[in-house]
Amino acid sequence: MEGRPFNDISYERFLSEGKLMGSRCPKCGVLFVPPRSICIKCYGTEMEWVEMKGKGKLAAFTCIAIGPPFMIKEGYDRKHPYVSGVVELEEGVRVVARIEGVDGSKPETIKIGTPLQVEFLHRGEGENSTTFLAFRPS
């Protein structure tokens, strides 16, 4: 997958296949996750797909007690907040995702620098199926 030409294949499709993909500018080498079709450093337009290892560390986080309706349906509320965080991947780029396997009601137990592994959360069925990016302590 490394160096695969950037085309109409979508980031969401890769997520549904259990792959965390980014884009790289072959002109200057900058990586982006989620992928971009144009490099914001050198304005190159010949981007290519790159598969990430899916390992990183927690760089920042927030606990969210009042979320969107689909999160409330999953059981998250004021007493059961979910955690969203910034993950610094081994490749050096940062991505925002849900952080699973931590207690959002006790933010003092969540530590910056915690090693994380990618996890793909599949919700719904058939054409209504959606995959969300998440990370879990490794």
N, C-alpha and C. Protein backbone atom coordinates (compact mmCIF):
# COMPACT_ATOMS: atom_id res chain seq x y z
N MET A 1 0.83 -1.18 0.00
CA MET A 1 0.00 0.00 0.00
C MET A 1 0.87 1.25 0.00
N GLU A 2 2.05 1.15 0.56
CA GLU A 2 2.98 2.28 0.62
C GLU A 2 3.21 2.85 -0.77
N GLY A 3 3.02 4.15 -0.91
CA GLY A 3 3.28 4.80 -2.18
C GLY A 3 2.19 4.62 -3.22
N ARG A 4 1.06 4.06 -2.84
CA ARG A 4 -0.04 3.86 -3.78
C ARG A 4 -0.55 5.22 -4.25
N PRO A 5 -0.78 5.40 -5.55
CA PRO A 5 -1.26 6.70 -6.05
C PRO A 5 -2.56 7.13 -5.38
N PHE A 6 -2.64 8.38 -5.08
CA PHE A 6 -3.81 8.97 -4.44
C PHE A 6 -4.90 9.11 -5.49
N ASN A 7 -6.06 8.50 -5.24
CA ASN A 7 -7.15 8.59 -6.21
C ASN A 7 -8.48 8.65 -5.50
N ASP A 8 -9.51 8.14 -6.11
CA ASP A 8 -10.86 8.26 -5.58
C ASP A 8 -11.17 7.33 -4.41
N ILE A 9 -10.26 6.45 -4.04
CA ILE A 9 -10.51 5.58 -2.90
C ILE A 9 -10.62 6.47 -1.67
N SER A 10 -11.65 6.26 -0.88
CA SER A 10 -11.87 7.17 0.24
C SER A 10 -11.24 6.69 1.54
N TYR A 11 -10.92 7.66 2.36
CA TYR A 11 -10.40 7.42 3.71
C TYR A 11 -11.38 6.56 4.49
N GLU A 12 -12.68 6.85 4.38
CA GLU A 12 -13.70 6.09 5.09
C GLU A 12 -13.73 4.63 4.65
N ARG A 13 -13.51 4.39 3.37
CA ARG A 13 -13.48 3.01 2.88
C ARG A 13 -12.32 2.25 3.50
N PHE A 14 -11.15 2.89 3.57
CA PHE A 14 -10.00 2.24 4.22
C PHE A 14 -10.31 1.96 5.69
N LEU A 15 -10.94 2.91 6.38
CA LEU A 15 -11.29 2.69 7.78
C LEU A 15 -12.19 1.46 7.90
N SER A 16 -13.18 1.34 7.02
CA SER A 16 -14.09 0.19 7.08
C SER A 16 -13.36 -1.12 6.83
N GLU A 17 -12.21 -1.06 6.15
CA GLU A 17 -11.39 -2.25 5.89
C GLU A 17 -10.37 -2.49 7.00
N GLY A 18 -10.39 -1.64 8.04
CA GLY A 18 -9.45 -1.80 9.14
C GLY A 18 -8.05 -1.29 8.84
N LYS A 19 -7.97 -0.23 8.01
CA LYS A 19 -6.68 0.35 7.65
C LYS A 19 -6.68 1.83 7.99
N LEU A 20 -5.65 2.28 8.66
CA LEU A 20 -5.47 3.70 8.95
C LEU A 20 -4.53 4.26 7.89
N MET A 21 -5.10 5.05 7.00
CA MET A 21 -4.33 5.57 5.87
C MET A 21 -4.13 7.07 5.98
N GLY A 22 -3.01 7.51 5.46
CA GLY A 22 -2.72 8.92 5.36
C GLY A 22 -2.26 9.21 3.94
N SER A 23 -1.95 10.46 3.70
CA SER A 23 -1.39 10.81 2.40
C SER A 23 -0.01 11.42 2.61
N ARG A 24 0.83 11.22 1.61
CA ARG A 24 2.19 11.78 1.65
C ARG A 24 2.43 12.52 0.35
N CYS A 25 3.10 13.65 0.50
CA CYS A 25 3.49 14.42 -0.67
C CYS A 25 4.86 13.90 -1.11
N PRO A 26 4.97 13.30 -2.30
CA PRO A 26 6.26 12.81 -2.75
C PRO A 26 7.26 13.93 -3.04
N LYS A 27 6.74 15.13 -3.24
CA LYS A 27 7.60 16.28 -3.53
C LYS A 27 8.39 16.72 -2.29
N CYS A 28 7.71 16.81 -1.12
CA CYS A 28 8.41 17.28 0.09
C CYS A 28 8.39 16.27 1.23
N GLY A 29 7.63 15.17 1.09
CA GLY A 29 7.64 14.10 2.08
C GLY A 29 6.72 14.28 3.28
N VAL A 30 5.93 15.34 3.33
CA VAL A 30 5.06 15.57 4.47
C VAL A 30 3.89 14.59 4.47
N LEU A 31 3.56 14.07 5.68
CA LEU A 31 2.44 13.15 5.87
C LEU A 31 1.23 13.88 6.43
N PHE A 32 0.04 13.38 6.07
CA PHE A 32 -1.21 13.93 6.59
C PHE A 32 -2.16 12.81 6.96
N VAL A 33 -2.74 12.89 8.16
CA VAL A 33 -3.80 11.99 8.60
C VAL A 33 -4.83 12.84 9.33
N PRO A 34 -6.08 12.86 8.86
CA PRO A 34 -6.61 12.25 7.65
C PRO A 34 -5.89 12.80 6.41
N PRO A 35 -6.03 12.07 5.31
CA PRO A 35 -5.32 12.46 4.09
C PRO A 35 -5.82 13.78 3.51
N ARG A 36 -4.94 14.43 2.78
CA ARG A 36 -5.26 15.66 2.04
C ARG A 36 -4.94 15.42 0.58
N SER A 37 -5.67 16.08 -0.29
CA SER A 37 -5.43 15.93 -1.72
C SER A 37 -4.39 16.93 -2.23
N ILE A 38 -4.10 17.96 -1.42
CA ILE A 38 -3.09 18.97 -1.76
C ILE A 38 -2.19 19.16 -0.55
N CYS A 39 -0.90 19.21 -0.76
CA CYS A 39 0.06 19.43 0.33
C CYS A 39 -0.01 20.89 0.78
N ILE A 40 -0.21 21.10 2.08
CA ILE A 40 -0.30 22.48 2.57
C ILE A 40 1.08 23.08 2.85
N LYS A 41 2.14 22.29 2.67
CA LYS A 41 3.49 22.82 2.84
C LYS A 41 4.05 23.35 1.52
N CYS A 42 4.00 22.52 0.47
CA CYS A 42 4.59 22.92 -0.82
C CYS A 42 3.54 23.07 -1.92
N TYR A 43 2.28 22.81 -1.61
CA TYR A 43 1.15 22.91 -2.55
C TYR A 43 1.22 21.87 -3.67
N GLY A 44 1.95 20.78 -3.43
CA GLY A 44 1.99 19.69 -4.40
C GLY A 44 0.64 19.02 -4.51
N THR A 45 0.32 18.52 -5.69
CA THR A 45 -0.98 17.88 -5.91
C THR A 45 -0.85 16.40 -6.26
N GLU A 46 0.32 15.86 -6.25
CA GLU A 46 0.54 14.45 -6.59
C GLU A 46 0.66 13.61 -5.33
N MET A 47 -0.35 13.63 -4.48
CA MET A 47 -0.32 12.91 -3.20
C MET A 47 -0.41 11.41 -3.43
N GLU A 48 0.10 10.65 -2.45
CA GLU A 48 0.03 9.19 -2.51
C GLU A 48 -0.43 8.65 -1.16
N TRP A 49 -1.12 7.51 -1.20
CA TRP A 49 -1.58 6.86 0.03
C TRP A 49 -0.42 6.21 0.76
N VAL A 50 -0.48 6.26 2.09
CA VAL A 50 0.50 5.58 2.94
C VAL A 50 -0.26 4.96 4.11
N GLU A 51 -0.01 3.69 4.39
CA GLU A 51 -0.66 3.04 5.53
C GLU A 51 0.15 3.30 6.79
N MET A 52 -0.55 3.75 7.83
CA MET A 52 0.08 4.02 9.13
C MET A 52 0.13 2.72 9.94
N LYS A 53 1.09 2.64 10.85
CA LYS A 53 1.22 1.45 11.70
C LYS A 53 0.08 1.34 12.71
N GLY A 54 -0.52 2.48 13.07
CA GLY A 54 -1.62 2.46 14.03
C GLY A 54 -1.17 2.49 15.47
N LYS A 55 0.09 2.86 15.69
CA LYS A 55 0.62 2.96 17.06
C LYS A 55 1.02 4.40 17.33
N GLY A 56 0.80 4.83 18.55
CA GLY A 56 1.15 6.19 18.91
C GLY A 56 1.06 6.41 20.40
N LYS A 57 0.98 7.69 20.77
CA LYS A 57 0.85 8.03 22.18
C LYS A 57 -0.12 9.19 22.33
N LEU A 58 -0.76 9.26 23.47
CA LEU A 58 -1.74 10.30 23.73
C LEU A 58 -1.03 11.64 23.93
N ALA A 59 -1.40 12.63 23.12
CA ALA A 59 -0.79 13.95 23.19
C ALA A 59 -1.68 14.96 23.92
N ALA A 60 -2.99 14.77 23.85
CA ALA A 60 -3.95 15.66 24.51
C ALA A 60 -5.30 14.95 24.52
N PHE A 61 -6.18 15.34 25.43
CA PHE A 61 -7.51 14.73 25.47
C PHE A 61 -8.52 15.65 26.14
N THR A 62 -9.78 15.33 25.93
CA THR A 62 -10.88 15.99 26.62
C THR A 62 -11.97 14.96 26.89
N CYS A 63 -12.68 15.15 27.99
CA CYS A 63 -13.78 14.27 28.35
C CYS A 63 -15.08 15.01 28.00
N ILE A 64 -15.95 14.36 27.24
CA ILE A 64 -17.14 15.01 26.73
C ILE A 64 -18.39 14.38 27.35
N ALA A 65 -19.13 15.20 28.13
CA ALA A 65 -20.31 14.72 28.83
C ALA A 65 -21.60 14.97 28.06
N ILE A 66 -21.59 15.97 27.19
CA ILE A 66 -22.79 16.26 26.39
C ILE A 66 -22.39 16.12 24.93
N GLY A 67 -22.69 14.96 24.38
CA GLY A 67 -22.26 14.67 23.01
C GLY A 67 -23.40 14.71 22.02
N PRO A 68 -23.09 14.41 20.77
CA PRO A 68 -24.12 14.36 19.73
C PRO A 68 -25.07 13.19 19.96
N PRO A 69 -26.25 13.22 19.34
CA PRO A 69 -27.26 12.17 19.56
C PRO A 69 -26.75 10.73 19.39
N PHE A 70 -25.88 10.49 18.39
CA PHE A 70 -25.42 9.11 18.19
C PHE A 70 -24.55 8.63 19.35
N MET A 71 -23.86 9.54 20.04
CA MET A 71 -23.06 9.15 21.20
C MET A 71 -23.97 8.91 22.41
N ILE A 72 -25.02 9.68 22.53
CA ILE A 72 -25.98 9.49 23.61
C ILE A 72 -26.64 8.12 23.45
N LYS A 73 -26.94 7.72 22.21
CA LYS A 73 -27.53 6.40 21.95
C LYS A 73 -26.58 5.28 22.36
N GLU A 74 -25.27 5.56 22.33
CA GLU A 74 -24.29 4.55 22.75
C GLU A 74 -24.13 4.51 24.27
N GLY A 75 -24.85 5.38 24.98
CA GLY A 75 -24.82 5.35 26.45
C GLY A 75 -23.96 6.41 27.11
N TYR A 76 -23.44 7.34 26.34
CA TYR A 76 -22.61 8.39 26.92
C TYR A 76 -23.49 9.56 27.34
N ASP A 77 -23.24 10.08 28.55
CA ASP A 77 -23.98 11.21 29.08
C ASP A 77 -23.16 11.87 30.18
N ARG A 78 -23.80 12.73 30.99
CA ARG A 78 -23.07 13.46 32.05
C ARG A 78 -22.39 12.53 33.04
N LYS A 79 -22.98 11.38 33.32
CA LYS A 79 -22.40 10.43 34.27
C LYS A 79 -21.41 9.47 33.60
N HIS A 80 -21.49 9.38 32.27
CA HIS A 80 -20.64 8.47 31.51
C HIS A 80 -20.05 9.21 30.30
N PRO A 81 -19.12 10.14 30.53
CA PRO A 81 -18.54 10.89 29.40
C PRO A 81 -17.61 10.01 28.55
N TYR A 82 -17.48 10.39 27.30
CA TYR A 82 -16.52 9.70 26.45
C TYR A 82 -15.29 10.59 26.29
N VAL A 83 -14.23 10.01 25.79
CA VAL A 83 -12.96 10.72 25.67
C VAL A 83 -12.58 10.85 24.21
N SER A 84 -12.22 12.05 23.83
CA SER A 84 -11.69 12.34 22.50
C SER A 84 -10.27 12.85 22.72
N GLY A 85 -9.36 12.43 21.86
CA GLY A 85 -7.97 12.83 22.08
C GLY A 85 -7.19 13.06 20.81
N VAL A 86 -6.04 13.65 21.00
CA VAL A 86 -5.07 13.84 19.92
C VAL A 86 -4.01 12.76 20.11
N VAL A 87 -3.81 11.96 19.07
CA VAL A 87 -2.84 10.87 19.12
C VAL A 87 -1.68 11.22 18.20
N GLU A 88 -0.47 11.20 18.76
CA GLU A 88 0.73 11.39 17.94
C GLU A 88 1.19 10.02 17.48
N LEU A 89 1.05 9.78 16.19
CA LEU A 89 1.42 8.48 15.63
C LEU A 89 2.94 8.33 15.56
N GLU A 90 3.41 7.09 15.51
CA GLU A 90 4.85 6.82 15.40
C GLU A 90 5.46 7.51 14.19
N GLU A 91 4.65 7.71 13.15
CA GLU A 91 5.14 8.34 11.93
C GLU A 91 5.33 9.85 12.10
N GLY A 92 4.89 10.41 13.25
CA GLY A 92 5.11 11.83 13.53
C GLY A 92 3.93 12.74 13.30
N VAL A 93 2.85 12.23 12.71
CA VAL A 93 1.66 13.05 12.49
C VAL A 93 0.68 12.87 13.63
N ARG A 94 -0.21 13.81 13.80
CA ARG A 94 -1.22 13.74 14.85
C ARG A 94 -2.59 13.59 14.23
N VAL A 95 -3.45 12.83 14.92
CA VAL A 95 -4.81 12.60 14.46
C VAL A 95 -5.74 12.67 15.67
N VAL A 96 -6.94 13.18 15.46
CA VAL A 96 -7.95 13.25 16.50
C VAL A 96 -8.85 12.03 16.39
N ALA A 97 -9.12 11.37 17.53
CA ALA A 97 -9.95 10.17 17.52
C ALA A 97 -10.54 9.94 18.91
N ARG A 98 -11.50 9.03 18.97
CA ARG A 98 -12.02 8.60 20.27
C ARG A 98 -10.94 7.79 20.96
N ILE A 99 -10.92 7.90 22.29
CA ILE A 99 -10.00 7.10 23.09
C ILE A 99 -10.85 6.12 23.89
N GLU A 100 -10.74 4.86 23.59
CA GLU A 100 -11.50 3.81 24.25
C GLU A 100 -10.68 3.21 25.39
N GLY A 101 -11.34 2.53 26.31
CA GLY A 101 -10.64 1.82 27.37
C GLY A 101 -10.09 2.71 28.47
N VAL A 102 -10.58 3.94 28.56
CA VAL A 102 -10.21 4.85 29.65
C VAL A 102 -11.51 5.35 30.27
N ASP A 103 -11.44 5.82 31.50
CA ASP A 103 -12.63 6.27 32.23
C ASP A 103 -12.77 7.79 32.13
N GLY A 104 -13.69 8.23 31.28
CA GLY A 104 -13.91 9.66 31.09
C GLY A 104 -14.45 10.37 32.31
N SER A 105 -15.01 9.61 33.26
CA SER A 105 -15.51 10.23 34.49
C SER A 105 -14.39 10.46 35.50
N LYS A 106 -13.19 9.95 35.21
CA LYS A 106 -12.02 10.14 36.08
C LYS A 106 -10.83 10.60 35.24
N PRO A 107 -10.89 11.84 34.74
CA PRO A 107 -9.82 12.31 33.85
C PRO A 107 -8.44 12.30 34.49
N GLU A 108 -8.39 12.36 35.80
CA GLU A 108 -7.09 12.34 36.48
C GLU A 108 -6.35 11.02 36.30
N THR A 109 -7.06 9.97 35.87
CA THR A 109 -6.42 8.67 35.64
C THR A 109 -5.89 8.52 34.23
N ILE A 110 -6.21 9.47 33.35
CA ILE A 110 -5.78 9.42 31.96
C ILE A 110 -4.48 10.20 31.84
N LYS A 111 -3.44 9.59 31.32
CA LYS A 111 -2.12 10.20 31.30
C LYS A 111 -1.64 10.53 29.89
N ILE A 112 -1.16 11.76 29.72
CA ILE A 112 -0.51 12.16 28.47
C ILE A 112 0.72 11.27 28.29
N GLY A 113 0.94 10.82 27.07
CA GLY A 113 2.08 9.94 26.79
C GLY A 113 1.73 8.46 26.82
N THR A 114 0.50 8.12 27.21
CA THR A 114 0.07 6.72 27.24
C THR A 114 0.20 6.10 25.85
N PRO A 115 0.87 4.94 25.73
CA PRO A 115 0.95 4.25 24.43
C PRO A 115 -0.44 3.78 23.99
N LEU A 116 -0.74 3.99 22.71
CA LEU A 116 -2.05 3.64 22.17
C LEU A 116 -1.92 2.81 20.90
N GLN A 117 -2.97 2.04 20.64
CA GLN A 117 -3.07 1.21 19.43
C GLN A 117 -4.40 1.53 18.76
N VAL A 118 -4.40 1.59 17.43
CA VAL A 118 -5.62 1.91 16.68
C VAL A 118 -6.68 0.85 16.90
N GLU A 119 -7.93 1.31 16.84
CA GLU A 119 -9.09 0.42 16.93
C GLU A 119 -10.15 0.99 15.99
N PHE A 120 -10.85 0.13 15.30
CA PHE A 120 -11.88 0.56 14.36
C PHE A 120 -13.24 0.18 14.92
N LEU A 121 -14.08 1.19 15.17
CA LEU A 121 -15.40 0.96 15.76
C LEU A 121 -16.44 0.91 14.64
N HIS A 122 -17.07 -0.24 14.46
CA HIS A 122 -18.07 -0.42 13.40
C HIS A 122 -19.46 -0.26 14.01
N ARG A 123 -20.25 0.64 13.45
CA ARG A 123 -21.60 0.91 13.94
C ARG A 123 -22.58 0.80 12.77
N GLY A 124 -23.73 0.19 13.04
CA GLY A 124 -24.76 0.05 12.01
C GLY A 124 -24.51 -1.17 11.13
N GLU A 125 -25.45 -1.39 10.20
CA GLU A 125 -25.34 -2.54 9.30
C GLU A 125 -25.66 -2.14 7.87
N GLY A 126 -25.15 -2.90 6.93
CA GLY A 126 -25.44 -2.68 5.52
C GLY A 126 -25.01 -1.31 5.05
N GLU A 127 -25.90 -0.64 4.32
CA GLU A 127 -25.57 0.69 3.79
C GLU A 127 -25.49 1.74 4.90
N ASN A 128 -26.04 1.44 6.07
CA ASN A 128 -25.99 2.37 7.20
C ASN A 128 -24.77 2.13 8.08
N SER A 129 -23.89 1.24 7.65
CA SER A 129 -22.69 0.93 8.43
C SER A 129 -21.67 2.07 8.33
N THR A 130 -21.12 2.43 9.48
CA THR A 130 -20.11 3.47 9.55
C THR A 130 -18.97 2.96 10.43
N THR A 131 -17.76 3.33 10.09
CA THR A 131 -16.60 2.96 10.91
C THR A 131 -15.98 4.23 11.46
N PHE A 132 -15.72 4.23 12.76
CA PHE A 132 -15.11 5.36 13.43
C PHE A 132 -13.70 5.00 13.88
N LEU A 133 -12.82 5.96 13.79
CA LEU A 133 -11.44 5.77 14.23
C LEU A 133 -11.38 5.95 15.75
N ALA A 134 -10.69 5.04 16.41
CA ALA A 134 -10.50 5.13 17.85
C ALA A 134 -9.13 4.56 18.19
N PHE A 135 -8.68 4.82 19.39
CA PHE A 135 -7.43 4.26 19.89
C PHE A 135 -7.69 3.75 21.30
N ARG A 136 -6.91 2.76 21.70
CA ARG A 136 -7.03 2.12 23.01
C ARG A 136 -5.63 1.95 23.58
N PRO A 137 -5.49 2.12 24.90
CA PRO A 137 -4.17 1.88 25.51
C PRO A 137 -3.64 0.50 25.14
N SER A 138 -2.36 0.45 24.78
CA SER A 138 -1.77 -0.83 24.35
C SER A 138 -0.98 -1.47 25.47
